[in-house]
Amino acid sequence: MIVSWNGGLVEEGEISISAFDPMLLRGQGVFETVRVVDGEPRFWGEHFERLSRSGDSLIPEMPKREVLESQIQEVVEANELKNSRVRVTLGTNLLITAEPLEDDIPIVNVAIADHWPVNERSPLVGIKCTSYAENMRILRQFGTGEVIRSNTRGELCEGCISNVFFVKEGRIYTPSLETGCLPGVMRSQVIRRNRVEEGKWPLEILLEADEIWLSNAIRRLRCVSILDGKEMPPPSDFFWEVRHKIP
């Protein structure tokens, strides 16, 4: 694949990085994963704003929005991937990669991890940091499509790679940012387009939900089909209605 490395297009195997790079050694970097459809980076403005907020305390300098957008377009065109999953990784160096979009599967098998909580008091709350080893270990441990976690107070918080919504009696609910969950770009789109109540609930509230939905920028909105080994009802008309609102 062709990637953008510090502003120049090169083959993926041609990049070089210092053995003392802080992102390599300590995960001191930030990233965004963007869904590109027909050559257009969806919700790029929101992604850039979060990247800027995340980078304020972790990276030496933030490139301009239009510069990054131009480099994204270059990578997409170089790989002939009008529909792609683009990742912008920023630390001491700047790396932009593009891969084909995954198959659009609207259901997902999910586990619950109540013994590995999200630290809502962490200085990294709200930051999409490259230090993702904790999330990846949890996903690998359970072997499911997603794992939903509580915070240290036992409140429903987020998945390892998704924000969480649940539906009860026709109303949509999602954990507030005060629980420590990431301010997801797709989360904000769902909230913007629907009446959603943000709040704090115990993790066990999921067991009472009529439906559970997960959102992220690449997969948009998915409905939980299996929760901790228990089969859930198929996606409702309400789910499809909400999902179709998101471009």
C-alpha atoms as a PDB file:
ATOM      1  CA  MET A   1       0.000   0.000   0.000  1.00  0.00           C
ATOM      2  CA  ILE A   2       0.989   3.629  -0.510  1.00  0.00           C
ATOM      3  CA  VAL A   3       1.070   5.691   2.687  1.00  0.00           C
ATOM      4  CA  SER A   4       1.709   9.321   3.531  1.00  0.00           C
ATOM      5  CA  TRP A   5       4.771   9.657   5.773  1.00  0.00           C
ATOM      6  CA  ASN A   6       5.497  13.169   7.044  1.00  0.00           C
ATOM      7  CA  GLY A   7       3.762  14.662   4.011  1.00  0.00           C
ATOM      8  CA  GLY A   8       5.278  12.481   1.287  1.00  0.00           C
ATOM      9  CA  LEU A   9       3.844   9.417  -0.482  1.00  0.00           C
ATOM     10  CA  VAL A  10       5.915   6.229  -0.085  1.00  0.00           C
ATOM     11  CA  GLU A  11       5.336   2.479  -0.119  1.00  0.00           C
ATOM     12  CA  GLU A  12       4.439   1.133   3.290  1.00  0.00           C
ATOM     13  CA  GLY A  13       7.733  -0.737   3.700  1.00  0.00           C
ATOM     14  CA  GLU A  14       9.842   2.342   3.002  1.00  0.00           C
ATOM     15  CA  ILE A  15       9.144   4.393   6.115  1.00  0.00           C
ATOM     16  CA  SER A  16      11.838   4.666   8.777  1.00  0.00           C
ATOM     17  CA  ILE A  17      11.460   5.712  12.385  1.00  0.00           C
ATOM     18  CA  SER A  18      13.971   6.521  15.112  1.00  0.00           C
ATOM     19  CA  ALA A  19      14.595   3.818  17.694  1.00  0.00           C
ATOM     20  CA  PHE A  20      14.016   6.544  20.286  1.00  0.00           C
ATOM     21  CA  ASP A  21      10.689   7.820  18.919  1.00  0.00           C
ATOM     22  CA  PRO A  22       8.332   8.594  21.862  1.00  0.00           C
ATOM     23  CA  MET A  23       5.300   7.109  20.104  1.00  0.00           C
ATOM     24  CA  LEU A  24       7.143   3.865  19.400  1.00  0.00           C
ATOM     25  CA  LEU A  25       8.565   3.558  22.906  1.00  0.00           C
ATOM     26  CA  ARG A  26       5.763   4.998  25.036  1.00  0.00           C
ATOM     27  CA  GLY A  27       2.671   5.296  22.853  1.00  0.00           C
ATOM     28  CA  GLN A  28       2.915   9.096  23.014  1.00  0.00           C
ATOM     29  CA  GLY A  29       0.711   9.930  20.054  1.00  0.00           C
ATOM     30  CA  VAL A  30      -2.874  10.382  18.925  1.00  0.00           C
ATOM     31  CA  PHE A  31      -4.933   9.056  16.044  1.00  0.00           C
ATOM     32  CA  GLU A  32      -8.237   9.255  14.207  1.00  0.00           C
ATOM     33  CA  THR A  33      -9.880   6.649  11.988  1.00  0.00           C
ATOM     34  CA  VAL A  34     -12.028   8.159   9.248  1.00  0.00           C
ATOM     35  CA  ARG A  35     -14.594   6.558   6.961  1.00  0.00           C
ATOM     36  CA  VAL A  36     -14.106   7.689   3.361  1.00  0.00           C
ATOM     37  CA  VAL A  37     -17.064   7.195   1.012  1.00  0.00           C
ATOM     38  CA  ASP A  38     -16.874   8.126  -2.687  1.00  0.00           C
ATOM     39  CA  GLY A  39     -13.605   9.879  -1.940  1.00  0.00           C
ATOM     40  CA  GLU A  40     -15.102  12.074   0.819  1.00  0.00           C
ATOM     41  CA  PRO A  41     -13.811  11.833   4.422  1.00  0.00           C
ATOM     42  CA  ARG A  42     -17.058  11.669   6.405  1.00  0.00           C
ATOM     43  CA  PHE A  43     -17.325  14.054   9.370  1.00  0.00           C
ATOM     44  CA  TRP A  44     -13.728  15.177   8.882  1.00  0.00           C
ATOM     45  CA  GLY A  45     -14.361  18.443  10.746  1.00  0.00           C
ATOM     46  CA  GLU A  46     -15.376  16.560  13.913  1.00  0.00           C
ATOM     47  CA  HIS A  47     -12.465  14.147  13.567  1.00  0.00           C
ATOM     48  CA  PHE A  48      -9.993  17.006  13.215  1.00  0.00           C
ATOM     49  CA  GLU A  49     -11.389  18.834  16.246  1.00  0.00           C
ATOM     50  CA  ARG A  50     -10.968  15.742  18.418  1.00  0.00           C
ATOM     51  CA  LEU A  51      -7.491  15.106  17.003  1.00  0.00           C
ATOM     52  CA  SER A  52      -6.547  18.691  17.911  1.00  0.00           C
ATOM     53  CA  ARG A  53      -7.923  18.356  21.457  1.00  0.00           C
ATOM     54  CA  SER A  54      -6.167  15.026  21.907  1.00  0.00           C
ATOM     55  CA  GLY A  55      -2.892  16.337  20.544  1.00  0.00           C
ATOM     56  CA  ASP A  56      -2.722  19.461  22.712  1.00  0.00           C
ATOM     57  CA  SER A  57      -0.932  17.689  25.550  1.00  0.00           C
ATOM     58  CA  LEU A  58       0.788  14.833  23.717  1.00  0.00           C
ATOM     59  CA  ILE A  59       2.338  16.007  20.443  1.00  0.00           C
ATOM     60  CA  PRO A  60       4.778  18.832  19.611  1.00  0.00           C
ATOM     61  CA  GLU A  61       2.812  20.450  16.784  1.00  0.00           C
ATOM     62  CA  MET A  62      -0.620  20.109  15.180  1.00  0.00           C
ATOM     63  CA  PRO A  63      -0.791  20.314  11.354  1.00  0.00           C
ATOM     64  CA  LYS A  64      -3.453  22.499   9.811  1.00  0.00           C
ATOM     65  CA  ARG A  65      -6.804  20.964   8.993  1.00  0.00           C
ATOM     66  CA  GLU A  66      -6.583  21.623   5.246  1.00  0.00           C
ATOM     67  CA  VAL A  67      -3.081  20.120   5.083  1.00  0.00           C
ATOM     68  CA  LEU A  68      -4.212  16.863   6.655  1.00  0.00           C
ATOM     69  CA  GLU A  69      -7.311  16.742   4.460  1.00  0.00           C
ATOM     70  CA  SER A  70      -5.176  17.167   1.345  1.00  0.00           C
ATOM     71  CA  GLN A  71      -2.855  14.369   2.452  1.00  0.00           C
ATOM     72  CA  ILE A  72      -5.823  12.090   3.111  1.00  0.00           C
ATOM     73  CA  GLN A  73      -7.044  12.700  -0.426  1.00  0.00           C
ATOM     74  CA  GLU A  74      -3.576  11.933  -1.807  1.00  0.00           C
ATOM     75  CA  VAL A  75      -3.417   8.578  -0.010  1.00  0.00           C
ATOM     76  CA  VAL A  76      -6.939   7.609  -1.091  1.00  0.00           C
ATOM     77  CA  GLU A  77      -6.184   8.455  -4.724  1.00  0.00           C
ATOM     78  CA  ALA A  78      -2.757   6.783  -4.711  1.00  0.00           C
ATOM     79  CA  ASN A  79      -4.343   3.510  -3.550  1.00  0.00           C
ATOM     80  CA  GLU A  80      -7.438   3.919  -5.752  1.00  0.00           C
ATOM     81  CA  LEU A  81      -9.646   3.471  -2.694  1.00  0.00           C
ATOM     82  CA  LYS A  82     -12.617   5.816  -2.955  1.00  0.00           C
ATOM     83  CA  ASN A  83     -14.310   3.795  -0.217  1.00  0.00           C
ATOM     84  CA  SER A  84     -11.778   3.277   2.522  1.00  0.00           C
ATOM     85  CA  ARG A  85     -10.791   3.233   6.150  1.00  0.00           C
ATOM     86  CA  VAL A  86      -8.233   5.999   6.650  1.00  0.00           C
ATOM     87  CA  ARG A  87      -6.145   6.304   9.778  1.00  0.00           C
ATOM     88  CA  VAL A  88      -4.283   9.479  10.720  1.00  0.00           C
ATOM     89  CA  THR A  89      -1.575   8.787  13.316  1.00  0.00           C
ATOM     90  CA  LEU A  90       0.255  11.754  14.756  1.00  0.00           C
ATOM     91  CA  GLY A  91       3.183  11.931  17.140  1.00  0.00           C
ATOM     92  CA  THR A  92       6.725  13.012  16.385  1.00  0.00           C
ATOM     93  CA  ASN A  93       5.911  11.790  12.874  1.00  0.00           C
ATOM     94  CA  LEU A  94       2.744  11.881  10.776  1.00  0.00           C
ATOM     95  CA  LEU A  95       1.448   8.690   9.165  1.00  0.00           C
ATOM     96  CA  ILE A  96      -1.709   8.394   7.052  1.00  0.00           C
ATOM     97  CA  THR A  97      -2.855   5.006   5.772  1.00  0.00           C
ATOM     98  CA  ALA A  98      -5.827   3.808   3.733  1.00  0.00           C
ATOM     99  CA  GLU A  99      -7.381   0.330   3.618  1.00  0.00           C
ATOM    100  CA  PRO A 100     -10.521  -1.043   1.959  1.00  0.00           C
ATOM    101  CA  LEU A 101     -13.681  -0.605   4.007  1.00  0.00           C
ATOM    102  CA  GLU A 102     -14.768  -3.723   5.851  1.00  0.00           C
ATOM    103  CA  ASP A 103     -18.020  -5.469   4.962  1.00  0.00           C
ATOM    104  CA  ASP A 104     -21.000  -3.599   6.379  1.00  0.00           C
ATOM    105  CA  ILE A 105     -22.274  -6.041   9.014  1.00  0.00           C
ATOM    106  CA  PRO A 106     -24.967  -4.363  11.156  1.00  0.00           C
ATOM    107  CA  ILE A 107     -24.956  -6.902  14.035  1.00  0.00           C
ATOM    108  CA  VAL A 108     -22.252  -7.780  16.546  1.00  0.00           C
ATOM    109  CA  ASN A 109     -21.507 -10.362  19.250  1.00  0.00           C
ATOM    110  CA  VAL A 110     -20.646  -8.601  22.533  1.00  0.00           C
ATOM    111  CA  ALA A 111     -19.300  -9.535  25.957  1.00  0.00           C
ATOM    112  CA  ILE A 112     -19.421  -7.572  29.217  1.00  0.00           C
ATOM    113  CA  ALA A 113     -16.256  -6.960  31.274  1.00  0.00           C
ATOM    114  CA  ASP A 114     -17.113  -5.677  34.743  1.00  0.00           C
ATOM    115  CA  HIS A 115     -13.677  -6.547  36.197  1.00  0.00           C
ATOM    116  CA  TRP A 116     -11.603  -4.370  33.842  1.00  0.00           C
ATOM    117  CA  PRO A 117     -13.080  -0.886  34.310  1.00  0.00           C
ATOM    118  CA  VAL A 118     -12.379   2.332  32.461  1.00  0.00           C
ATOM    119  CA  ASN A 119     -10.653   4.866  34.731  1.00  0.00           C
ATOM    120  CA  GLU A 120     -12.877   7.926  34.472  1.00  0.00           C
ATOM    121  CA  ARG A 121     -10.246   9.938  36.405  1.00  0.00           C
ATOM    122  CA  SER A 122      -7.410   9.159  34.009  1.00  0.00           C
ATOM    123  CA  PRO A 123      -5.593  12.160  32.469  1.00  0.00           C
ATOM    124  CA  LEU A 124      -6.222  10.472  29.098  1.00  0.00           C
ATOM    125  CA  VAL A 125     -10.017  10.610  29.365  1.00  0.00           C
ATOM    126  CA  GLY A 126     -11.454  11.960  26.128  1.00  0.00           C
ATOM    127  CA  ILE A 127      -8.147  11.523  24.274  1.00  0.00           C
ATOM    128  CA  LYS A 128      -7.837   9.046  21.408  1.00  0.00           C
ATOM    129  CA  CYS A 129      -4.305   8.001  22.251  1.00  0.00           C
ATOM    130  CA  THR A 130      -2.164   5.441  20.408  1.00  0.00           C
ATOM    131  CA  SER A 131      -1.698   3.597  23.726  1.00  0.00           C
ATOM    132  CA  TYR A 132      -4.456   1.097  22.884  1.00  0.00           C
ATOM    133  CA  ALA A 133      -2.873  -2.039  24.331  1.00  0.00           C
ATOM    134  CA  GLU A 134      -5.421  -2.259  27.173  1.00  0.00           C
ATOM    135  CA  ASN A 135      -8.364  -2.230  24.770  1.00  0.00           C
ATOM    136  CA  MET A 136      -6.747  -4.746  22.426  1.00  0.00           C
ATOM    137  CA  ARG A 137      -5.911  -7.147  25.239  1.00  0.00           C
ATOM    138  CA  ILE A 138      -9.506  -7.120  26.468  1.00  0.00           C
ATOM    139  CA  LEU A 139     -10.868  -7.769  22.977  1.00  0.00           C
ATOM    140  CA  ARG A 140      -8.423 -10.612  22.455  1.00  0.00           C
ATOM    141  CA  GLN A 141      -9.203 -12.102  25.866  1.00  0.00           C
ATOM    142  CA  PHE A 142     -12.936 -12.340  25.130  1.00  0.00           C
ATOM    143  CA  GLY A 143     -12.726 -13.084  21.415  1.00  0.00           C
ATOM    144  CA  THR A 144     -15.954 -11.224  20.636  1.00  0.00           C
ATOM    145  CA  GLY A 145     -16.656  -8.388  18.228  1.00  0.00           C
ATOM    146  CA  GLU A 146     -16.782  -5.917  21.121  1.00  0.00           C
ATOM    147  CA  VAL A 147     -16.512  -5.806  24.907  1.00  0.00           C
ATOM    148  CA  ILE A 148     -18.593  -3.339  26.941  1.00  0.00           C
ATOM    149  CA  ARG A 149     -16.990  -1.969  30.110  1.00  0.00           C
ATOM    150  CA  SER A 150     -18.039  -0.096  33.218  1.00  0.00           C
ATOM    151  CA  ASN A 151     -16.003   2.652  34.854  1.00  0.00           C
ATOM    152  CA  THR A 152     -14.487   2.393  38.332  1.00  0.00           C
ATOM    153  CA  ARG A 153     -17.841   3.452  39.860  1.00  0.00           C
ATOM    154  CA  GLY A 154     -19.632   0.528  38.180  1.00  0.00           C
ATOM    155  CA  GLU A 155     -21.391   2.808  35.682  1.00  0.00           C
ATOM    156  CA  LEU A 156     -22.022   1.771  32.094  1.00  0.00           C
ATOM    157  CA  CYS A 157     -19.240   3.446  30.117  1.00  0.00           C
ATOM    158  CA  GLU A 158     -18.172   2.256  26.636  1.00  0.00           C
ATOM    159  CA  GLY A 159     -16.863  -0.549  24.484  1.00  0.00           C
ATOM    160  CA  CYS A 160     -13.203  -1.040  23.626  1.00  0.00           C
ATOM    161  CA  ILE A 161     -13.730   0.489  20.168  1.00  0.00           C
ATOM    162  CA  SER A 162     -17.316   1.766  20.337  1.00  0.00           C
ATOM    163  CA  ASN A 163     -19.729   4.005  22.186  1.00  0.00           C
ATOM    164  CA  VAL A 164     -22.813   2.360  23.662  1.00  0.00           C
ATOM    165  CA  PHE A 165     -26.525   3.125  23.314  1.00  0.00           C
ATOM    166  CA  PHE A 166     -29.406   1.176  24.743  1.00  0.00           C
ATOM    167  CA  VAL A 167     -33.109   1.325  23.947  1.00  0.00           C
ATOM    168  CA  LYS A 168     -35.933   0.825  26.422  1.00  0.00           C
ATOM    169  CA  GLU A 169     -39.613   1.339  25.612  1.00  0.00           C
ATOM    170  CA  GLY A 170     -38.804   3.273  22.447  1.00  0.00           C
ATOM    171  CA  ARG A 171     -36.350   5.708  24.071  1.00  0.00           C
ATOM    172  CA  ILE A 172     -32.619   5.929  23.358  1.00  0.00           C
ATOM    173  CA  TYR A 173     -30.056   6.284  26.156  1.00  0.00           C
ATOM    174  CA  THR A 174     -26.269   6.637  26.202  1.00  0.00           C
ATOM    175  CA  PRO A 175     -23.657   7.174  28.945  1.00  0.00           C
ATOM    176  CA  SER A 176     -22.705  10.800  29.489  1.00  0.00           C
ATOM    177  CA  LEU A 177     -19.116  11.919  28.955  1.00  0.00           C
ATOM    178  CA  GLU A 178     -18.836  12.222  32.741  1.00  0.00           C
ATOM    179  CA  THR A 179     -18.577   8.420  32.872  1.00  0.00           C
ATOM    180  CA  GLY A 180     -15.203   8.641  31.128  1.00  0.00           C
ATOM    181  CA  CYS A 181     -16.318   7.402  27.712  1.00  0.00           C
ATOM    182  CA  LEU A 182     -14.653   8.718  24.562  1.00  0.00           C
ATOM    183  CA  PRO A 183     -16.559  11.547  22.829  1.00  0.00           C
ATOM    184  CA  GLY A 184     -17.106   9.502  19.672  1.00  0.00           C
ATOM    185  CA  VAL A 185     -17.701  11.215  16.349  1.00  0.00           C
ATOM    186  CA  MET A 186     -20.455   8.752  15.448  1.00  0.00           C
ATOM    187  CA  ARG A 187     -21.885   9.048  18.963  1.00  0.00           C
ATOM    188  CA  SER A 188     -22.347  12.779  18.398  1.00  0.00           C
ATOM    189  CA  GLN A 189     -24.004  12.131  15.029  1.00  0.00           C
ATOM    190  CA  VAL A 190     -26.546   9.748  16.563  1.00  0.00           C
ATOM    191  CA  ILE A 191     -27.303  12.257  19.328  1.00  0.00           C
ATOM    192  CA  ARG A 192     -27.590  15.125  16.839  1.00  0.00           C
ATOM    193  CA  ARG A 193     -30.115  13.283  14.683  1.00  0.00           C
ATOM    194  CA  ASN A 194     -32.276  11.697  17.396  1.00  0.00           C
ATOM    195  CA  ARG A 195     -33.700  12.344  20.818  1.00  0.00           C
ATOM    196  CA  VAL A 196     -31.154  10.709  23.111  1.00  0.00           C
ATOM    197  CA  GLU A 197     -30.941  10.889  26.901  1.00  0.00           C
ATOM    198  CA  GLU A 198     -27.415  11.040  28.324  1.00  0.00           C
ATOM    199  CA  GLY A 199     -26.915   9.897  31.886  1.00  0.00           C
ATOM    200  CA  LYS A 200     -25.342   7.490  34.357  1.00  0.00           C
ATOM    201  CA  TRP A 201     -26.607   3.960  34.920  1.00  0.00           C
ATOM    202  CA  PRO A 202     -25.170   0.780  36.438  1.00  0.00           C
ATOM    203  CA  LEU A 203     -23.661  -1.639  33.943  1.00  0.00           C
ATOM    204  CA  GLU A 204     -26.494  -4.067  34.694  1.00  0.00           C
ATOM    205  CA  ILE A 205     -28.987  -1.760  32.948  1.00  0.00           C
ATOM    206  CA  LEU A 206     -28.003  -3.510  29.722  1.00  0.00           C
ATOM    207  CA  LEU A 207     -29.739  -6.661  30.935  1.00  0.00           C
ATOM    208  CA  GLU A 208     -33.046  -4.744  30.971  1.00  0.00           C
ATOM    209  CA  ALA A 209     -32.615  -3.132  27.537  1.00  0.00           C
ATOM    210  CA  ASP A 210     -34.835  -3.935  24.575  1.00  0.00           C
ATOM    211  CA  GLU A 211     -31.917  -3.285  22.242  1.00  0.00           C
ATOM    212  CA  ILE A 212     -28.234  -2.362  22.560  1.00  0.00           C
ATOM    213  CA  TRP A 213     -26.462  -0.397  19.834  1.00  0.00           C
ATOM    214  CA  LEU A 214     -22.782   0.339  19.296  1.00  0.00           C
ATOM    215  CA  SER A 215     -21.400   3.258  17.306  1.00  0.00           C
ATOM    216  CA  ASN A 216     -18.050   4.081  15.781  1.00  0.00           C
ATOM    217  CA  ALA A 217     -16.875   6.040  12.765  1.00  0.00           C
ATOM    218  CA  ILE A 218     -16.129   3.040  10.534  1.00  0.00           C
ATOM    219  CA  ARG A 219     -19.021   0.709  11.333  1.00  0.00           C
ATOM    220  CA  ARG A 220     -21.483   3.548  11.977  1.00  0.00           C
ATOM    221  CA  LEU A 221     -24.229   1.894  14.063  1.00  0.00           C
ATOM    222  CA  ARG A 222     -24.512  -1.800  14.892  1.00  0.00           C
ATOM    223  CA  CYS A 223     -27.075  -3.751  16.882  1.00  0.00           C
ATOM    224  CA  VAL A 224     -25.968  -6.295  19.501  1.00  0.00           C
ATOM    225  CA  SER A 225     -27.099  -9.764  18.428  1.00  0.00           C
ATOM    226  CA  ILE A 226     -25.522 -11.732  21.300  1.00  0.00           C
ATOM    227  CA  LEU A 227     -24.829 -10.319  24.772  1.00  0.00           C
ATOM    228  CA  ASP A 228     -22.605 -12.436  27.022  1.00  0.00           C
ATOM    229  CA  GLY A 229     -23.702 -15.569  25.182  1.00  0.00           C
ATOM    230  CA  LYS A 230     -27.396 -14.686  25.302  1.00  0.00           C
ATOM    231  CA  GLU A 231     -29.176 -14.165  21.989  1.00  0.00           C
ATOM    232  CA  MET A 232     -30.830 -10.783  21.583  1.00  0.00           C
ATOM    233  CA  PRO A 233     -33.853  -9.955  19.372  1.00  0.00           C
ATOM    234  CA  PRO A 234     -33.067  -9.119  15.724  1.00  0.00           C
ATOM    235  CA  PRO A 235     -32.596  -5.432  14.850  1.00  0.00           C
ATOM    236  CA  SER A 236     -35.904  -3.586  15.061  1.00  0.00           C
ATOM    237  CA  ASP A 237     -37.415  -1.179  12.566  1.00  0.00           C
ATOM    238  CA  PHE A 238     -36.431   1.572  15.004  1.00  0.00           C
ATOM    239  CA  PHE A 239     -32.763   0.565  14.706  1.00  0.00           C
ATOM    240  CA  TRP A 240     -32.893   0.665  10.912  1.00  0.00           C
ATOM    241  CA  GLU A 241     -34.642   4.029  11.001  1.00  0.00           C
ATOM    242  CA  VAL A 242     -31.893   5.540  13.162  1.00  0.00           C
ATOM    243  CA  ARG A 243     -29.113   3.881  11.175  1.00  0.00           C
ATOM    244  CA  HIS A 244     -30.415   5.150   7.845  1.00  0.00           C
ATOM    245  CA  LYS A 245     -30.213   8.744   9.107  1.00  0.00           C
ATOM    246  CA  ILE A 246     -26.424   8.522   9.246  1.00  0.00           C
ATOM    247  CA  PRO A 247     -24.663   9.082   5.911  1.00  0.00           C
END
